[in-house]
Amino acid sequence: MCCAVLLKAQTTSFETLDLQLPKLPAFSESVGYGYDLQTSWDGKSSTPFFVSANVPDGNYRVTVTLGSKKRAAVTSIRCESRRLFIENLATKRGELVTKTFIVNKRNVHFINEKGQADQVKLKKNEDGKLHWDEKLTIEVNGDAPAVQSIKIELDTVSPTLYLCGNSTVVDQSNEPWASWGQMVPRFLDDQLSVANYAESGLAAESFLAQNRWAKIYSRLKKGDFVILEFGHNDQKADNRPGNGAYYAFSRNVKFILDQCRAKGATFILCTPTMRRFFKGNVVENTHKDYPAAVRDIAKREELLCIDLQDMTKAFYEAMGPEKSTQAFVHYPANTWPDQPKALADNTHFNPYGAYEIAKMVVQGILQSNLEELKKHISSDFQGFDPAQPDPVESFHWNNSPFVNMTKPDGN
């Protein structure tokens, strides 16, 4: 049985959607919810599946009841583009566990500062991505997934944490790529939403030019938070007059900061994650003046600066030149379908690397004086020392069914 009060995404309101599994229809625009992406579930299979619902832009409180009356289960829940919320939750036979989290759903449309209809200028390879469509999509995965029910309710009260950045932050859509932004929700509570607006290949300048910040600004409210990490791609334009870490980049960051303050939101900076560039056993900076510029802005403006440059350096060096490849997209040929050549990317992370860096971001928040954000850290987060990373062998990630060997934009 499935009962729902569901209004299509083109309308301006939404009440609640209450789904009882496994008896759901296939998703269609006419129904507005159901099994999606050519998947379904019979209540027994361990194959990952997707459930989608057409909803307007906003934050949604999702309540899932996990487990089975007939068998033991292990279930992970991700939303939109592999955004992690529930990790390997084990239930005994007959045990049911209810969990709640908040998912941000968005499309490209917004009303700009002039009161005019506007939209985000997506890149060609973003068309069809789950985090820009009209649906809220839930991925059910795990060694033996079991879900009894999914309830979706509009949340207009909880604050939002907006993420601005590049391919090291974005919700990567396909295996084996991953970024810290899609892992962060796992370490936060059910009273804060994470809205990840990052995209591969972007710099602060293009983030503004493509209206990604304008879309955030149209929804930003007092009590929200913004984390910004750029630097990887910004340095590529340094040969243009007026560019550079202390010129165009700093100006663009200051513009975003000023607009945050105008809305009563809290702005946080991250230095860029290190590339895996070893000389001997030491990782060297390849980001020129950008980490220093970020630190200088933070000091001058009295902002929290999460120093991912230093933390990722400690992380890679703790693993060492060889083993640190296990945090990146380094795989021998034929590890993945349609992969005739080895992958050896020293910028982009796999799920393990992204998960560890998300812990660094949360650790930076934990060590700050931002009490209104610190209170949203999950109760099971015990702190993290990047010089003592979690063993690779202890990390368990069930792959999503979507795999693509194309390297994300940016380097």
Protein backbone atom coordinates (compact mmCIF):
# COMPACT_ATOMS: atom_id res chain seq x y z
CA MET A 1 0.00 0.00 0.00
CA CYS A 2 1.26 3.49 -0.83
CA CYS A 3 -0.48 6.59 0.39
CA ALA A 4 0.70 10.02 -0.59
CA VAL A 5 -0.22 13.63 -0.80
CA LEU A 6 2.02 14.66 -3.70
CA LEU A 7 1.99 17.80 -5.81
CA LYS A 8 4.02 18.02 -9.02
CA ALA A 9 7.32 19.86 -9.07
CA GLN A 10 5.89 22.71 -11.14
CA THR A 11 3.64 23.75 -8.24
CA THR A 12 4.77 25.88 -5.33
CA SER A 13 3.82 23.64 -2.42
CA PHE A 14 4.33 20.13 -1.15
CA GLU A 15 2.87 18.37 1.86
CA THR A 16 4.09 14.81 2.41
CA LEU A 17 4.80 11.56 0.63
CA ASP A 18 4.57 8.27 2.52
CA LEU A 19 5.76 5.18 0.65
CA GLN A 20 5.48 1.58 1.80
CA LEU A 21 7.98 -0.78 0.19
CA PRO A 22 8.39 -2.97 -1.77
CA LYS A 23 5.00 -2.32 -3.45
CA LEU A 24 5.76 0.79 -5.47
CA PRO A 25 4.95 1.65 -9.09
CA ALA A 26 7.60 2.45 -11.65
CA PHE A 27 8.31 6.17 -11.65
CA SER A 28 6.37 8.21 -14.19
CA GLU A 29 5.55 11.88 -14.52
CA SER A 30 1.85 11.12 -14.23
CA VAL A 31 2.27 9.30 -10.90
CA GLY A 32 5.14 11.47 -9.66
CA TYR A 33 6.94 8.85 -7.57
CA GLY A 34 8.14 5.25 -7.66
CA TYR A 35 11.07 3.01 -8.58
CA ASP A 36 13.35 4.93 -10.91
CA LEU A 37 16.35 4.55 -13.22
CA GLN A 38 15.11 1.18 -14.48
CA THR A 39 15.31 -0.42 -11.04
CA SER A 40 12.84 -2.04 -8.67
CA TRP A 41 12.97 -4.17 -5.53
CA ASP A 42 11.17 -7.36 -4.51
CA GLY A 43 11.97 -7.10 -0.82
CA LYS A 44 14.70 -9.75 -1.07
CA SER A 45 17.25 -8.78 -3.71
CA SER A 46 20.62 -7.25 -2.74
CA THR A 47 20.85 -5.26 -5.96
CA PRO A 48 20.85 -1.48 -5.39
CA PHE A 49 17.70 0.35 -6.41
CA PHE A 50 16.38 3.91 -6.68
CA VAL A 51 13.18 5.61 -5.59
CA SER A 52 12.32 9.08 -6.90
CA ALA A 53 9.65 11.69 -6.23
CA ASN A 54 8.85 14.88 -8.11
CA VAL A 55 9.13 17.75 -5.64
CA PRO A 56 9.76 21.53 -5.86
CA ASP A 57 13.10 23.04 -4.91
CA GLY A 58 13.81 22.93 -1.21
CA ASN A 59 14.95 20.89 1.75
CA TYR A 60 13.15 17.64 2.54
CA ARG A 61 13.11 15.64 5.74
CA VAL A 62 13.38 11.99 4.77
CA THR A 63 12.45 9.31 7.31
CA VAL A 64 13.35 5.74 6.46
CA THR A 65 12.47 2.58 8.35
CA LEU A 66 15.20 0.03 7.69
CA GLY A 67 15.39 -3.70 8.35
CA SER A 68 13.33 -6.81 7.70
CA LYS A 69 11.04 -9.02 9.74
CA LYS A 70 12.36 -12.06 7.85
CA ARG A 71 16.15 -11.60 7.58
CA ALA A 72 19.20 -9.74 8.73
CA ALA A 73 20.09 -6.73 6.62
CA VAL A 74 22.83 -4.17 5.95
CA THR A 75 21.62 -0.98 4.30
CA SER A 76 23.23 2.22 3.04
CA ILE A 77 21.23 5.24 1.88
CA ARG A 78 22.53 7.82 -0.58
CA CYS A 79 20.54 10.56 -2.27
CA GLU A 80 20.69 12.51 -5.50
CA SER A 81 24.21 11.92 -6.89
CA ARG A 82 25.63 9.41 -4.37
CA ARG A 83 25.28 11.80 -1.41
CA LEU A 84 25.92 9.61 1.65
CA PHE A 85 23.49 9.72 4.58
CA ILE A 86 23.33 6.25 6.13
CA GLU A 87 26.39 4.01 6.05
CA ASN A 88 26.24 0.22 6.34
CA LEU A 89 23.50 0.10 8.97
CA ALA A 90 23.15 -3.50 10.18
CA THR A 91 19.84 -4.85 11.51
CA LYS A 92 19.05 -8.28 12.92
CA ARG A 93 16.19 -10.42 11.71
CA GLY A 94 12.98 -8.82 12.96
CA GLU A 95 14.71 -5.57 13.92
CA LEU A 96 13.44 -2.29 12.42
CA VAL A 97 15.34 0.98 12.79
CA THR A 98 14.03 4.44 11.87
CA LYS A 99 16.46 7.11 10.70
CA THR A 100 15.90 10.71 9.60
CA PHE A 101 17.99 13.11 7.51
CA ILE A 102 17.48 16.19 5.33
CA VAL A 103 18.06 16.20 1.57
CA ASN A 104 18.41 19.35 -0.53
CA LYS A 105 16.74 19.15 -3.95
CA ARG A 106 17.21 21.78 -6.65
CA ASN A 107 16.81 22.55 -10.33
CA VAL A 108 18.44 25.25 -12.46
CA HIS A 109 15.70 27.90 -12.15
CA PHE A 110 15.62 30.86 -9.76
CA ILE A 111 14.53 34.48 -9.42
CA ASN A 112 17.50 36.83 -9.55
CA GLU A 113 18.17 40.04 -7.62
CA LYS A 114 16.24 42.02 -10.22
CA GLY A 115 13.16 39.89 -9.69
CA GLN A 116 13.59 38.22 -13.07
CA ALA A 117 13.42 34.55 -13.97
CA ASP A 118 16.95 33.25 -14.44
CA GLN A 119 18.83 29.96 -14.47
CA VAL A 120 22.14 28.28 -13.76
CA LYS A 121 24.27 27.81 -16.87
CA LEU A 122 25.05 24.11 -16.72
CA LYS A 123 27.94 22.54 -18.57
CA LYS A 124 27.10 20.06 -21.31
CA ASN A 125 28.09 17.05 -19.24
CA GLU A 126 25.76 18.11 -16.40
CA ASP A 127 22.57 17.53 -18.39
CA GLY A 128 20.58 14.76 -16.77
CA LYS A 129 22.54 14.70 -13.53
CA LEU A 130 20.38 13.72 -10.58
CA HIS A 131 21.31 16.79 -8.53
CA TRP A 132 19.92 19.21 -11.13
CA ASP A 133 16.66 17.52 -12.17
CA GLU A 134 13.08 17.90 -10.92
CA LYS A 135 13.21 14.81 -8.71
CA LEU A 136 14.47 13.89 -5.28
CA THR A 137 16.16 10.53 -5.82
CA ILE A 138 17.05 8.03 -3.08
CA GLU A 139 19.59 5.26 -3.70
CA VAL A 140 19.21 2.17 -1.53
CA ASN A 141 22.40 0.12 -1.45
CA GLY A 142 24.32 -2.18 0.86
CA ASP A 143 25.32 -5.80 1.34
CA ALA A 144 21.70 -6.81 1.98
CA PRO A 145 19.48 -3.71 1.78
CA ALA A 146 16.05 -3.71 3.41
CA VAL A 147 13.63 -0.79 3.61
CA GLN A 148 10.11 -0.89 4.99
CA SER A 149 9.06 2.69 4.32
CA ILE A 150 10.22 6.10 3.07
CA LYS A 151 8.54 9.32 4.16
CA ILE A 152 9.37 12.65 2.52
CA GLU A 153 8.29 15.96 4.10
CA LEU A 154 9.09 19.56 3.19
CA ASP A 155 11.42 21.23 5.73
CA THR A 156 11.31 25.04 5.73
CA VAL A 157 12.89 25.53 9.16
CA SER A 158 16.29 23.82 9.25
CA PRO A 159 19.40 25.74 8.16
CA THR A 160 21.30 24.87 5.00
CA LEU A 161 25.04 24.38 4.52
CA TYR A 162 25.92 25.40 0.95
CA LEU A 163 29.09 24.07 -0.69
CA CYS A 164 30.93 26.02 -3.40
CA GLY A 165 33.84 24.39 -5.16
CA ASN A 166 35.25 22.23 -7.93
CA SER A 167 35.76 18.52 -8.69
CA THR A 168 37.22 17.87 -5.24
CA VAL A 169 33.92 19.00 -3.68
CA VAL A 170 31.17 18.15 -6.20
CA ASP A 171 28.68 15.29 -5.88
CA GLN A 172 30.38 12.97 -8.37
CA SER A 173 27.72 10.99 -10.25
CA ASN A 174 29.71 7.90 -11.22
CA GLU A 175 32.05 5.30 -9.80
CA PRO A 176 34.96 5.28 -9.16
CA TRP A 177 35.08 9.06 -8.64
CA ALA A 178 34.05 10.76 -5.39
CA SER A 179 34.49 14.07 -3.57
CA TRP A 180 34.30 15.20 0.02
CA GLY A 181 31.12 17.22 -0.46
CA GLN A 182 29.00 14.12 -1.03
CA MET A 183 30.42 12.39 2.06
CA VAL A 184 29.95 15.27 4.53
CA PRO A 185 26.21 14.63 5.18
CA ARG A 186 27.15 11.30 6.76
CA PHE A 187 28.80 13.17 9.65
CA LEU A 188 26.04 15.73 10.28
CA ASP A 189 22.74 15.44 12.12
CA ASP A 190 19.13 15.52 10.89
CA GLN A 191 18.68 19.24 11.62
CA LEU A 192 20.97 20.55 8.86
CA SER A 193 20.75 20.26 5.08
CA VAL A 194 23.78 20.13 2.77
CA ALA A 195 23.31 21.77 -0.65
CA ASN A 196 26.33 20.98 -2.82
CA TYR A 197 26.62 23.44 -5.73
CA ALA A 198 30.21 22.54 -6.62
CA GLU A 199 31.06 21.34 -10.13
CA SER A 200 34.13 19.85 -11.79
CA GLY A 201 36.46 22.22 -13.58
CA LEU A 202 35.21 25.41 -11.95
CA ALA A 203 37.12 28.32 -10.46
CA ALA A 204 35.68 31.09 -8.30
CA GLU A 205 35.27 33.22 -11.44
CA SER A 206 33.33 30.60 -13.42
CA PHE A 207 31.25 29.67 -10.36
CA LEU A 208 30.00 33.25 -10.38
CA ALA A 209 29.72 33.53 -14.17
CA GLN A 210 27.56 30.42 -14.45
CA ASN A 211 25.05 31.78 -11.92
CA ARG A 212 25.73 29.05 -9.39
CA TRP A 213 26.35 31.58 -6.65
CA ALA A 214 23.36 33.66 -7.83
CA LYS A 215 21.13 30.59 -7.39
CA ILE A 216 22.49 30.05 -3.86
CA TYR A 217 22.03 33.74 -3.06
CA SER A 218 18.38 33.58 -4.17
CA ARG A 219 17.73 30.97 -1.47
CA LEU A 220 20.27 31.98 1.19
CA LYS A 221 18.79 33.02 4.54
CA LYS A 222 19.88 34.11 7.98
CA GLY A 223 21.38 31.22 9.91
CA ASP A 224 22.65 29.35 6.83
CA PHE A 225 26.30 28.45 6.23
CA VAL A 226 28.55 28.57 3.15
CA ILE A 227 31.81 26.64 2.69
CA LEU A 228 34.00 27.59 -0.28
CA GLU A 229 37.00 25.66 -1.64
CA PHE A 230 38.67 26.83 -4.84
CA GLY A 231 42.26 27.07 -6.09
CA HIS A 232 42.79 23.97 -8.25
CA ASN A 233 41.55 25.55 -11.46
CA ASP A 234 41.88 29.25 -10.59
CA GLN A 235 45.65 29.14 -11.03
CA LYS A 236 45.28 28.19 -14.72
CA ALA A 237 44.26 31.76 -15.57
CA ASP A 238 47.17 33.40 -13.76
CA ASN A 239 48.75 34.46 -17.03
CA ARG A 240 45.83 36.80 -17.75
CA PRO A 241 46.31 40.42 -16.62
CA GLY A 242 44.53 41.11 -13.34
CA ASN A 243 44.25 37.47 -12.37
CA GLY A 244 46.10 35.65 -9.63
CA ALA A 245 45.51 34.58 -6.06
CA TYR A 246 45.74 38.10 -4.64
CA TYR A 247 43.83 39.79 -7.44
CA ALA A 248 40.77 38.37 -9.25
CA PHE A 249 40.52 35.33 -7.00
CA SER A 250 40.54 37.32 -3.76
CA ARG A 251 38.10 39.83 -5.23
CA ASN A 252 35.65 37.08 -6.22
CA VAL A 253 35.87 35.44 -2.79
CA LYS A 254 35.27 38.82 -1.12
CA PHE A 255 32.19 39.38 -3.28
CA ILE A 256 30.68 36.08 -2.14
CA LEU A 257 31.63 36.81 1.46
CA ASP A 258 29.96 40.24 1.38
CA GLN A 259 26.75 38.78 0.00
CA CYS A 260 26.79 36.09 2.69
CA ARG A 261 27.06 38.71 5.38
CA ALA A 262 24.25 40.74 3.81
CA LYS A 263 21.95 37.72 4.20
CA GLY A 264 23.11 36.88 7.73
CA ALA A 265 24.84 33.65 6.68
CA THR A 266 28.18 32.35 8.00
CA PHE A 267 31.04 32.07 5.49
CA ILE A 268 33.82 29.48 5.84
CA LEU A 269 36.93 29.04 3.69
CA CYS A 270 38.91 25.91 2.82
CA THR A 271 42.37 25.85 1.37
CA PRO A 272 42.50 23.53 -1.67
CA THR A 273 43.18 19.85 -1.16
CA MET A 274 46.73 18.89 -2.09
CA ARG A 275 47.44 17.06 -5.31
CA ARG A 276 49.32 13.81 -4.80
CA PHE A 277 52.71 15.23 -5.79
CA PHE A 278 55.51 13.53 -3.87
CA LYS A 279 59.18 14.39 -3.89
CA GLY A 280 60.67 11.58 -1.91
CA ASN A 281 58.36 11.10 1.04
CA VAL A 282 57.18 14.71 1.12
CA VAL A 283 54.12 16.15 -0.67
CA GLU A 284 54.83 19.50 -2.28
CA ASN A 285 52.43 22.39 -2.87
CA THR A 286 51.34 22.77 -6.51
CA HIS A 287 48.77 25.53 -5.90
CA LYS A 288 51.14 28.51 -6.00
CA ASP A 289 49.86 31.40 -3.82
CA TYR A 290 46.26 30.22 -3.52
CA PRO A 291 46.47 28.47 -0.13
CA ALA A 292 48.27 31.50 1.32
CA ALA A 293 45.70 33.87 -0.20
CA VAL A 294 42.85 31.87 1.33
CA ARG A 295 44.52 31.96 4.76
CA ASP A 296 45.12 35.70 4.41
CA ILE A 297 41.48 36.41 3.53
CA ALA A 298 40.33 34.32 6.47
CA LYS A 299 42.67 36.13 8.87
CA ARG A 300 41.77 39.58 7.58
CA GLU A 301 38.02 38.93 7.62
CA GLU A 302 38.07 36.85 10.84
CA LEU A 303 36.69 33.73 9.16
CA LEU A 304 37.09 30.05 9.91
CA CYS A 305 39.66 28.56 7.53
CA ILE A 306 39.66 24.78 7.30
CA ASP A 307 43.20 24.05 6.15
CA LEU A 308 42.68 21.12 3.80
CA GLN A 309 46.07 21.90 2.24
CA ASP A 310 47.85 21.01 5.47
CA MET A 311 45.50 18.19 6.44
CA THR A 312 45.65 16.40 3.09
CA LYS A 313 49.43 16.77 3.08
CA ALA A 314 49.54 14.99 6.47
CA PHE A 315 47.10 12.36 5.17
CA TYR A 316 49.07 11.48 2.03
CA GLU A 317 52.40 11.47 3.83
CA ALA A 318 51.02 9.23 6.57
CA MET A 319 50.00 6.73 3.88
CA GLY A 320 53.23 7.16 1.94
CA PRO A 321 54.01 7.55 -1.78
CA GLU A 322 52.75 4.12 -2.78
CA LYS A 323 49.79 3.43 -0.52
CA SER A 324 48.39 6.97 -0.94
CA THR A 325 47.28 5.95 -4.45
CA GLN A 326 44.51 4.04 -2.66
CA ALA A 327 42.82 7.36 -1.85
CA PHE A 328 42.74 8.40 -5.51
CA VAL A 329 41.39 7.05 -8.76
CA HIS A 330 44.35 4.74 -9.34
CA TYR A 331 43.26 1.38 -10.73
CA PRO A 332 44.91 -1.22 -12.96
CA ALA A 333 43.46 -1.76 -16.43
CA ASN A 334 40.20 -3.72 -16.52
CA THR A 335 39.32 -3.04 -12.89
CA TRP A 336 36.10 -1.43 -14.12
CA PRO A 337 33.91 -2.10 -17.17
CA ASP A 338 35.18 -0.46 -20.38
CA GLN A 339 38.54 0.39 -18.80
CA PRO A 340 41.24 -0.90 -21.16
CA LYS A 341 43.92 1.40 -19.70
CA ALA A 342 45.11 1.96 -16.15
CA LEU A 343 43.73 4.97 -14.27
CA ALA A 344 46.29 7.12 -12.46
CA ASP A 345 44.68 10.41 -11.35
CA ASN A 346 46.48 12.35 -8.62
CA THR A 347 43.80 15.02 -8.11
CA HIS A 348 40.48 13.17 -7.96
CA PHE A 349 39.52 10.93 -5.09
CA ASN A 350 37.83 7.57 -4.89
CA PRO A 351 35.16 7.00 -2.18
CA TYR A 352 37.72 6.15 0.51
CA GLY A 353 39.76 9.31 -0.12
CA ALA A 354 36.65 11.49 -0.27
CA TYR A 355 35.36 9.98 2.99
CA GLU A 356 38.61 10.72 4.81
CA ILE A 357 38.70 14.31 3.55
CA ALA A 358 35.07 14.83 4.60
CA LYS A 359 36.23 13.87 8.08
CA MET A 360 38.89 16.58 7.85
CA VAL A 361 36.23 19.18 7.02
CA VAL A 362 34.11 18.07 9.97
CA GLN A 363 37.18 18.09 12.22
CA GLY A 364 37.84 21.68 11.14
CA ILE A 365 34.31 22.61 12.17
CA LEU A 366 34.66 20.71 15.46
CA GLN A 367 37.80 22.68 16.36
CA SER A 368 36.20 26.05 15.50
CA ASN A 369 34.18 28.45 17.63
CA LEU A 370 31.13 28.19 15.34
CA GLU A 371 28.81 26.74 17.95
CA GLU A 372 25.72 26.98 15.74
CA LEU A 373 27.38 24.74 13.17
CA LYS A 374 29.29 22.50 15.59
CA LYS A 375 26.05 21.40 17.22
CA HIS A 376 25.06 19.69 13.96
CA ILE A 377 28.00 17.26 13.96
CA SER A 378 26.77 13.70 14.28
CA SER A 379 27.04 12.19 17.76
CA ASP A 380 29.09 9.25 16.42
CA PHE A 381 31.87 11.48 15.05
CA GLN A 382 34.77 10.99 17.43
CA GLY A 383 37.24 13.38 15.86
CA PHE A 384 39.83 12.76 13.16
CA ASP A 385 43.59 13.07 12.86
CA PRO A 386 44.67 13.10 9.19
CA ALA A 387 48.12 11.88 10.22
CA GLN A 388 46.40 8.72 11.49
CA PRO A 389 43.87 7.92 8.75
CA ASP A 390 41.41 5.06 8.85
CA PRO A 391 42.82 1.87 7.35
CA VAL A 392 41.79 1.46 3.73
CA GLU A 393 40.79 -2.10 4.55
CA SER A 394 38.21 -0.92 7.09
CA PHE A 395 36.31 1.21 4.56
CA HIS A 396 33.34 -0.55 2.99
CA TRP A 397 31.55 1.05 0.05
CA ASN A 398 28.99 -0.72 -2.13
CA ASN A 399 29.42 0.63 -5.64
CA SER A 400 26.57 2.44 -7.29
CA PRO A 401 25.48 0.93 -10.63
CA PHE A 402 26.66 3.93 -12.65
CA VAL A 403 30.30 3.77 -13.79
CA ASN A 404 32.15 6.13 -16.11
CA MET A 405 35.84 6.19 -16.94
CA THR A 406 35.80 9.81 -18.14
CA LYS A 407 38.04 11.94 -15.95
CA PRO A 408 36.18 14.86 -14.31
CA ASP A 409 36.98 18.32 -15.62
CA GLY A 410 39.77 20.13 -13.84
CA ASN A 411 43.10 19.04 -12.41
